[in-house]
């Protein structure tokens, strides 16, 4: 990747950093360090409230470490924020107000009000605000996206063993939000949600650990989504039907296929074809960070902007509202 050079900015050698280097943030650091070694700017440092963790990740990646993110405000031009959700708005707004471009992990914030503050901060300075809905960069999704046309019915399962992480949010905001973002993207950004039905219960934590949502869109498309973080295996599968084809997408194995009927087949059983899509097996997070740096370089809109993040959050909060109403009936 060439050195980042934004023609509308004085920045000639983009300085990057990561705030929050836990289970996911450390991989942001690794990728930024690798990109810097390839000439994509300078990786300044990492920050974490756990000084031992910050130091360890910094040593791995040849950069400085900090325990207070405020020390990075004047040292970086672009930053990944990979901290607990409740801190996103405060940290992101501080950087955006300095004109620093921000990639914030999903969910964008806890509330729509916090999200709107972040959007306003970005608009005030012209800084870019991108949201880390990583599954859009999964090689299987990248290969599939050009083949999607008018999806009508989704069946989605996202199941994990209990993670002992991200327990500050419910399973809806932790993992289901990936699929809430994806279905809105695939159905169409201008197609509104018409109805939400959802159930969910706490099983191990005091948050919702397992949930199911039925999302109906104004154009008639329907999605059934199951998300759980108390499974015995890891499942990341999406299946959907669209005009003339059946689609299978497996994020975990990076597999995508389309099954369709040949238009001139004399009999349906003679005309079924399965097209397994070829993928470019790039690490999704690397692809995401390259896209983030690329939009800065070209002065383009981020590929997943704050309004995308807001839309996904709004739908997730709608699901949680329906779950809460159902839990009140169950008295759990």
Protein backbone atom coordinates (compact mmCIF):
# COMPACT_ATOMS: atom_id res chain seq x y z
CA UNK A 1 0.00 0.00 0.00
CA UNK A 2 1.34 3.40 -0.97
CA UNK A 3 2.04 6.11 1.57
CA UNK A 4 -1.16 7.84 2.56
CA UNK A 5 -1.29 11.29 1.00
CA UNK A 6 -4.58 13.16 1.22
CA UNK A 7 -4.57 15.84 -1.51
CA UNK A 8 -6.93 18.00 0.56
CA UNK A 9 -4.82 17.81 3.70
CA UNK A 10 -1.40 18.81 4.92
CA UNK A 11 -0.90 15.24 6.15
CA UNK A 12 1.80 13.51 4.13
CA UNK A 13 2.63 10.61 6.41
CA UNK A 14 -0.43 9.47 8.31
CA UNK A 15 0.16 8.75 11.99
CA UNK A 16 -2.05 5.95 13.33
CA UNK A 17 -2.79 4.64 16.82
CA UNK A 18 -5.11 2.26 18.67
CA UNK A 19 -7.02 3.01 21.86
CA UNK A 20 -7.94 -0.23 23.60
CA UNK A 21 -5.73 -3.24 22.87
CA UNK A 22 -7.65 -6.13 24.39
CA UNK A 23 -8.78 -9.22 22.49
CA UNK A 24 -9.70 -7.30 19.31
CA UNK A 25 -7.71 -4.09 19.67
CA UNK A 26 -4.40 -5.94 19.69
CA UNK A 27 -5.19 -7.13 16.16
CA UNK A 28 -5.85 -3.55 15.07
CA UNK A 29 -2.37 -2.77 16.41
CA UNK A 30 -0.78 -5.71 14.61
CA UNK A 31 -2.31 -4.72 11.28
CA UNK A 32 -1.44 -1.04 11.60
CA UNK A 33 2.14 -2.01 12.41
CA UNK A 34 2.30 -4.30 9.37
CA UNK A 35 0.83 -1.61 7.12
CA UNK A 36 3.31 0.94 8.46
CA UNK A 37 6.19 -1.41 7.63
CA UNK A 38 4.78 -1.57 4.10
CA UNK A 39 4.86 2.22 3.83
CA UNK A 40 1.31 3.13 4.89
CA UNK A 41 2.15 5.90 7.32
CA UNK A 42 3.60 5.63 10.81
CA UNK A 43 2.19 3.54 13.64
CA UNK A 44 2.59 5.82 16.65
CA UNK A 45 1.37 3.75 19.55
CA UNK A 46 -1.25 1.93 21.56
CA UNK A 47 -3.22 2.91 24.64
CA UNK A 48 -4.90 0.78 27.27
CA UNK A 49 -5.89 1.35 30.88
CA UNK A 50 -4.02 -1.88 31.64
CA UNK A 51 -0.42 -0.66 31.53
CA UNK A 52 0.97 -4.19 31.38
CA UNK A 53 -1.19 -5.03 28.36
CA UNK A 54 -0.38 -1.74 26.64
CA UNK A 55 3.35 -2.29 27.13
CA UNK A 56 3.21 -5.89 25.88
CA UNK A 57 1.33 -4.99 22.68
CA UNK A 58 3.61 -2.00 22.07
CA UNK A 59 6.69 -4.18 22.39
CA UNK A 60 5.25 -6.65 19.88
CA UNK A 61 4.62 -3.91 17.35
CA UNK A 62 7.57 -1.58 17.86
CA UNK A 63 5.63 1.46 19.02
CA UNK A 64 5.03 3.60 22.10
CA UNK A 65 2.46 2.77 24.75
CA UNK A 66 0.15 4.96 26.83
CA UNK A 67 -2.46 4.48 29.54
CA UNK A 68 -4.33 7.74 28.96
CA UNK A 69 -5.82 8.20 25.50
CA UNK A 70 -5.62 11.98 25.87
CA UNK A 71 -1.86 11.73 25.39
CA UNK A 72 -2.52 10.65 21.80
CA UNK A 73 -4.74 13.57 20.82
CA UNK A 74 -1.86 15.58 19.35
CA UNK A 75 0.24 12.62 18.27
CA UNK A 76 -2.02 10.91 15.73
CA UNK A 77 -3.95 11.66 12.54
CA UNK A 78 -6.14 8.53 12.53
CA UNK A 79 -7.14 6.27 15.39
CA UNK A 80 -8.99 3.02 16.02
CA UNK A 81 -11.17 3.06 19.14
CA UNK A 82 -11.58 -0.49 20.44
CA UNK A 83 -12.74 0.17 23.98
CA UNK A 84 -15.93 -0.78 25.87
CA UNK A 85 -19.03 0.65 24.19
CA UNK A 86 -19.84 3.06 26.99
CA UNK A 87 -16.57 4.93 26.32
CA UNK A 88 -16.93 5.29 22.55
CA UNK A 89 -18.68 8.65 22.45
CA UNK A 90 -16.38 10.45 24.88
CA UNK A 91 -13.17 9.23 23.27
CA UNK A 92 -14.34 9.54 19.66
CA UNK A 93 -15.66 13.07 20.13
CA UNK A 94 -12.38 14.22 21.67
CA UNK A 95 -10.40 12.98 18.66
CA UNK A 96 -12.96 14.15 16.08
CA UNK A 97 -12.98 17.64 17.61
CA UNK A 98 -9.20 17.75 16.99
CA UNK A 99 -9.78 16.77 13.35
CA UNK A 100 -8.45 13.24 13.88
CA UNK A 101 -10.09 10.59 11.67
CA UNK A 102 -11.73 7.84 13.72
CA UNK A 103 -12.56 4.18 13.18
CA UNK A 104 -14.78 3.10 16.06
CA UNK A 105 -15.68 -0.51 16.70
CA UNK A 106 -19.31 -1.62 16.64
CA UNK A 107 -21.68 -0.80 18.14
CA UNK A 108 -20.95 2.82 17.36
CA UNK A 109 -22.22 3.91 20.78
CA UNK A 110 -24.67 3.02 23.55
CA UNK A 111 -27.44 5.36 22.43
CA UNK A 112 -28.62 7.27 19.40
CA UNK A 113 -28.00 10.51 21.32
CA UNK A 114 -24.32 9.59 21.80
CA UNK A 115 -24.13 8.64 18.14
CA UNK A 116 -25.55 11.98 17.08
CA UNK A 117 -22.93 13.78 19.19
CA UNK A 118 -20.22 11.83 17.39
CA UNK A 119 -21.71 12.64 13.99
CA UNK A 120 -21.92 16.33 14.89
CA UNK A 121 -18.30 16.35 16.06
CA UNK A 122 -17.16 14.79 12.78
CA UNK A 123 -19.19 17.23 10.70
CA UNK A 124 -17.84 20.22 12.63
CA UNK A 125 -14.22 19.51 11.73
CA UNK A 126 -14.61 17.40 8.57
CA UNK A 127 -12.93 14.43 10.25
CA UNK A 128 -13.93 11.00 8.99
CA UNK A 129 -15.92 8.67 11.23
CA UNK A 130 -16.02 5.03 10.17
CA UNK A 131 -17.71 2.15 12.03
CA UNK A 132 -16.12 -1.30 12.31
CA UNK A 133 -18.85 -3.59 10.98
CA UNK A 134 -16.20 -6.12 10.11
CA UNK A 135 -18.34 -8.74 8.37
CA UNK A 136 -18.74 -6.47 5.35
CA UNK A 137 -15.03 -7.11 4.75
CA UNK A 138 -15.23 -10.89 5.14
CA UNK A 139 -13.91 -12.36 1.86
CA UNK A 140 -17.08 -14.42 1.43
CA UNK A 141 -19.26 -11.31 1.71
CA UNK A 142 -16.96 -9.35 -0.60
CA UNK A 143 -17.30 -12.10 -3.23
CA UNK A 144 -21.05 -12.41 -2.74
CA UNK A 145 -22.09 -8.75 -2.64
CA UNK A 146 -22.10 -8.18 -6.45
CA UNK A 147 -24.48 -11.14 -6.87
CA UNK A 148 -27.10 -9.91 -4.41
CA UNK A 149 -30.35 -8.70 -5.94
CA UNK A 150 -33.65 -8.32 -4.14
CA UNK A 151 -33.16 -10.73 -1.20
CA UNK A 152 -36.54 -11.79 0.14
CA UNK A 153 -36.09 -14.15 3.09
CA UNK A 154 -33.12 -14.64 5.44
CA UNK A 155 -32.32 -17.36 7.99
CA UNK A 156 -29.29 -16.36 10.06
CA UNK A 157 -27.49 -18.11 12.91
CA UNK A 158 -24.62 -16.59 14.88
CA UNK A 159 -23.65 -18.77 17.84
CA UNK A 160 -20.52 -18.78 20.01
CA UNK A 161 -19.30 -20.44 23.18
CA UNK A 162 -19.49 -18.14 26.19
CA UNK A 163 -16.76 -15.56 25.51
CA UNK A 164 -15.96 -14.03 28.91
CA UNK A 165 -15.64 -10.73 27.03
CA UNK A 166 -17.95 -7.96 25.80
CA UNK A 167 -20.22 -8.62 28.76
CA UNK A 168 -20.89 -4.90 29.08
CA UNK A 169 -23.53 -5.30 26.35
CA UNK A 170 -26.27 -7.77 25.49
CA UNK A 171 -25.76 -10.42 22.81
CA UNK A 172 -27.78 -8.20 20.46
CA UNK A 173 -25.26 -5.35 20.63
CA UNK A 174 -22.32 -7.73 20.92
CA UNK A 175 -22.83 -10.07 17.95
CA UNK A 176 -26.34 -9.87 16.43
CA UNK A 177 -25.59 -6.32 15.34
CA UNK A 178 -23.26 -7.74 12.67
CA UNK A 179 -26.25 -9.34 10.99
CA UNK A 180 -28.59 -6.41 11.62
CA UNK A 181 -26.12 -4.25 9.71
CA UNK A 182 -25.68 -6.82 6.94
CA UNK A 183 -29.37 -7.36 6.23
CA UNK A 184 -30.08 -3.64 6.01
CA UNK A 185 -27.11 -3.27 3.66
CA UNK A 186 -28.25 -6.18 1.46
CA UNK A 187 -31.96 -5.36 1.41
CA UNK A 188 -31.19 -1.73 0.62
CA UNK A 189 -30.21 1.27 2.67
CA UNK A 190 -33.37 3.12 1.66
CA UNK A 191 -35.75 0.28 2.59
CA UNK A 192 -37.22 0.91 6.02
CA UNK A 193 -37.97 -1.66 8.70
CA UNK A 194 -41.72 -2.08 9.18
CA UNK A 195 -41.92 -4.50 12.11
CA UNK A 196 -39.70 -6.08 14.74
CA UNK A 197 -40.52 -9.13 16.84
CA UNK A 198 -37.96 -10.49 19.27
CA UNK A 199 -37.37 -12.72 22.27
CA UNK A 200 -34.28 -13.09 24.42
CA UNK A 201 -33.21 -14.30 27.83
CA UNK A 202 -30.25 -14.09 30.22
CA UNK A 203 -28.78 -17.52 30.84
CA UNK A 204 -25.30 -17.13 32.32
CA UNK A 205 -24.80 -13.37 32.65
CA UNK A 206 -27.21 -10.67 33.80
CA UNK A 207 -27.57 -9.55 30.18
CA UNK A 208 -29.45 -11.17 27.30
CA UNK A 209 -27.26 -14.12 26.25
CA UNK A 210 -29.54 -15.69 23.62
CA UNK A 211 -31.96 -13.92 21.32
CA UNK A 212 -34.08 -14.35 18.23
CA UNK A 213 -35.44 -11.52 16.10
CA UNK A 214 -37.80 -11.39 13.15
CA UNK A 215 -37.28 -8.27 11.07
CA UNK A 216 -39.79 -7.28 8.40
CA UNK A 217 -39.05 -4.60 5.80
CA UNK A 218 -41.45 -2.33 3.96
CA UNK A 219 -40.68 -4.07 0.66
CA UNK A 220 -41.79 -7.42 2.14
CA UNK A 221 -38.37 -8.90 2.87
CA UNK A 222 -38.13 -10.85 6.13
CA UNK A 223 -35.12 -11.89 8.24
CA UNK A 224 -35.05 -14.39 11.10
CA UNK A 225 -31.89 -13.99 13.18
CA UNK A 226 -30.71 -16.15 16.06
CA UNK A 227 -27.76 -15.01 18.16
CA UNK A 228 -26.32 -16.79 21.17
CA UNK A 229 -23.11 -16.64 23.18
CA UNK A 230 -23.75 -19.83 25.13
CA UNK A 231 -23.43 -22.39 22.34
CA UNK A 232 -21.14 -25.41 22.16
CA UNK A 233 -19.77 -24.51 18.73
CA UNK A 234 -19.05 -21.48 16.59
CA UNK A 235 -21.64 -20.84 13.86
CA UNK A 236 -21.64 -17.82 11.54
CA UNK A 237 -24.10 -18.80 8.79
CA UNK A 238 -26.47 -16.74 6.68
CA UNK A 239 -28.87 -18.28 4.18
CA UNK A 240 -31.23 -16.27 2.05
CA UNK A 241 -33.49 -16.53 -0.96
CA UNK A 242 -33.69 -14.02 -3.74
CA UNK A 243 -35.27 -14.04 -7.16
CA UNK A 244 -34.01 -17.17 -8.98
CA UNK A 245 -31.37 -18.17 -6.44
CA UNK A 246 -30.63 -19.53 -2.98
CA UNK A 247 -27.56 -18.10 -1.24
CA UNK A 248 -25.35 -19.64 1.46
CA UNK A 249 -22.79 -17.50 3.28
CA UNK A 250 -20.51 -18.85 6.00
CA UNK A 251 -18.42 -16.13 7.60
CA UNK A 252 -16.42 -18.59 9.71
CA UNK A 253 -15.22 -20.74 6.81
CA UNK A 254 -15.27 -17.85 4.29
CA UNK A 255 -17.62 -19.74 1.97
CA UNK A 256 -20.29 -18.36 -0.33
CA UNK A 257 -22.41 -20.08 -2.95
CA UNK A 258 -25.44 -19.44 -5.14
CA UNK A 259 -27.79 -22.23 -6.16
CA UNK A 260 -30.01 -21.45 -9.13
CA UNK A 261 -32.04 -22.97 -11.95
CA UNK A 262 -30.61 -22.78 -15.44
CA UNK A 263 -33.05 -20.66 -17.49
CA UNK A 264 -33.33 -23.17 -20.37
CA UNK A 265 -33.56 -26.35 -18.30
CA UNK A 266 -36.19 -28.81 -19.49
CA UNK A 267 -36.82 -29.98 -15.93
CA UNK A 268 -35.91 -28.37 -12.55
CA UNK A 269 -33.89 -31.39 -11.43
CA UNK A 270 -31.79 -31.17 -14.61
CA UNK A 271 -31.10 -27.49 -14.36
CA UNK A 272 -29.86 -26.92 -10.81
CA UNK A 273 -26.42 -25.35 -10.66
CA UNK A 274 -24.33 -24.51 -7.61
CA UNK A 275 -21.82 -21.73 -8.04
CA UNK A 276 -19.22 -21.68 -5.30
CA UNK A 277 -17.74 -18.23 -5.41
CA UNK A 278 -14.00 -17.69 -5.52
CA UNK A 279 -12.68 -15.52 -2.73
CA UNK A 280 -9.62 -13.40 -2.12
CA UNK A 281 -8.64 -14.69 1.31
CA UNK A 282 -7.56 -11.40 2.90
CA UNK A 283 -7.86 -10.97 6.67
CA UNK A 284 -11.12 -8.99 7.11
CA UNK A 285 -9.61 -6.62 9.68
CA UNK A 286 -6.69 -5.80 7.41
CA UNK A 287 -9.14 -5.09 4.58
CA UNK A 288 -11.14 -2.85 6.90
CA UNK A 289 -8.09 -0.84 7.98
CA UNK A 290 -6.86 -0.52 4.39
CA UNK A 291 -10.31 0.83 3.47
CA UNK A 292 -10.16 3.27 6.39
CA UNK A 293 -6.73 4.59 5.42
CA UNK A 294 -7.75 4.59 1.76
CA UNK A 295 -10.77 6.82 2.33
CA UNK A 296 -8.47 9.28 4.12
CA UNK A 297 -5.95 9.14 1.29
CA UNK A 298 -8.57 9.77 -1.39
CA UNK A 299 -10.69 12.06 0.78
CA UNK A 300 -13.69 9.81 0.15
CA UNK A 301 -16.60 9.04 2.42
CA UNK A 302 -15.86 6.05 4.68
CA UNK A 303 -17.22 2.78 3.23
CA UNK A 304 -19.17 2.23 6.46
CA UNK A 305 -20.08 5.66 7.70
CA UNK A 306 -21.57 6.88 10.97
CA UNK A 307 -25.09 6.84 9.53
CA UNK A 308 -24.65 3.14 8.71
CA UNK A 309 -23.57 2.59 12.29
CA UNK A 310 -26.51 4.61 13.58
CA UNK A 311 -28.97 2.60 11.48
CA UNK A 312 -27.59 -0.69 12.81
CA UNK A 313 -27.70 0.61 16.38
CA UNK A 314 -31.27 1.86 15.98
CA UNK A 315 -32.41 -1.56 14.79
CA UNK A 316 -30.50 -3.29 17.61
CA UNK A 317 -32.14 -1.01 20.18
CA UNK A 318 -35.51 -1.78 18.61
CA UNK A 319 -34.81 -5.50 19.02
CA UNK A 320 -33.81 -4.98 22.66
CA UNK A 321 -36.99 -3.01 23.29
CA UNK A 322 -39.11 -5.94 22.02
CA UNK A 323 -37.04 -8.37 24.06
CA UNK A 324 -37.60 -6.32 27.21
CA UNK A 325 -41.34 -6.31 26.65
CA UNK A 326 -41.32 -10.07 26.16
CA UNK A 327 -39.13 -10.60 29.27
CA UNK A 328 -41.64 -8.65 31.32
CA UNK A 329 -44.27 -11.16 30.25
CA UNK A 330 -41.97 -14.03 31.18
CA UNK A 331 -40.94 -12.32 34.43
CA UNK A 332 -37.23 -13.08 33.81
